[in-house]
Amino acid sequence: MPDAETARLMKVTEAIVREFDRQGVADTLVKLGFDALEMARVAIRAADGDVVPFRRP
């Protein structure tokens, strides 16, 4: 993965995790098996215009 793409992925992942913590749901989502990196990938693809089905693990 190119450095710019990796940096973008990490920045989005950090924002997602920070928001989950702010809302107090981070622990629950971890227990349910959600993966923050995968959610970041989905968010990036959606922002780039790709339609991404998102299912619960």
Protein backbone atom coordinates (compact mmCIF):
# COMPACT_ATOMS: atom_id res chain seq x y z
CA MET A 1 0.00 0.00 0.00
CA PRO A 2 1.45 3.41 -0.90
CA ASP A 3 2.40 5.69 2.00
CA ALA A 4 -0.29 8.25 1.16
CA GLU A 5 -2.96 5.55 1.12
CA THR A 6 -1.71 4.11 4.42
CA ALA A 7 -1.67 7.57 6.00
CA ARG A 8 -5.23 8.21 4.82
CA LEU A 9 -6.40 4.85 6.19
CA MET A 10 -4.79 5.49 9.58
CA LYS A 11 -6.22 9.02 9.80
CA VAL A 12 -9.75 7.77 9.08
CA THR A 13 -9.31 4.85 11.50
CA GLU A 14 -8.21 7.20 14.27
CA ALA A 15 -11.21 9.47 13.63
CA ILE A 16 -13.60 6.50 13.77
CA VAL A 17 -12.09 5.15 17.00
CA ARG A 18 -12.06 8.63 18.58
CA GLU A 19 -15.76 9.08 17.71
CA PHE A 20 -16.65 5.64 19.11
CA ASP A 21 -14.84 6.54 22.33
CA ARG A 22 -16.58 9.90 22.48
CA GLN A 23 -19.96 8.22 22.14
CA GLY A 24 -19.04 5.51 24.66
CA VAL A 25 -19.64 2.61 22.29
CA ALA A 26 -16.07 1.51 21.47
CA ASP A 27 -16.00 -1.40 23.93
CA THR A 28 -19.39 -2.68 22.79
CA LEU A 29 -18.37 -2.60 19.13
CA VAL A 30 -15.16 -4.50 19.91
CA LYS A 31 -17.18 -7.14 21.76
CA LEU A 32 -19.50 -7.45 18.74
CA GLY A 33 -16.50 -8.06 16.51
CA PHE A 34 -16.39 -4.83 14.55
CA ASP A 35 -12.99 -3.99 13.05
CA ALA A 36 -12.09 -0.28 12.99
CA LEU A 37 -9.64 -0.74 10.11
CA GLU A 38 -12.29 -2.43 7.99
CA MET A 39 -14.77 0.33 8.80
CA ALA A 40 -12.16 2.90 7.77
CA ARG A 41 -11.64 1.09 4.46
CA VAL A 42 -15.41 1.13 3.89
CA ALA A 43 -15.60 4.84 4.77
CA ILE A 44 -12.78 5.67 2.36
CA ARG A 45 -14.31 3.65 -0.46
CA ALA A 46 -17.68 5.31 0.14
CA ALA A 47 -16.06 8.75 0.13
CA ASP A 48 -14.41 7.86 -3.16
CA GLY A 49 -17.81 7.00 -4.64
CA ASP A 50 -17.80 3.21 -4.38
CA VAL A 51 -20.97 1.52 -3.17
CA VAL A 52 -19.97 -0.74 -0.31
CA PRO A 53 -22.40 -3.11 1.38
CA PHE A 54 -21.71 -3.05 5.10
CA ARG A 55 -22.75 -6.04 7.13
CA ARG A 56 -22.48 -6.87 10.75
CA PRO A 57 -19.68 -9.40 11.42
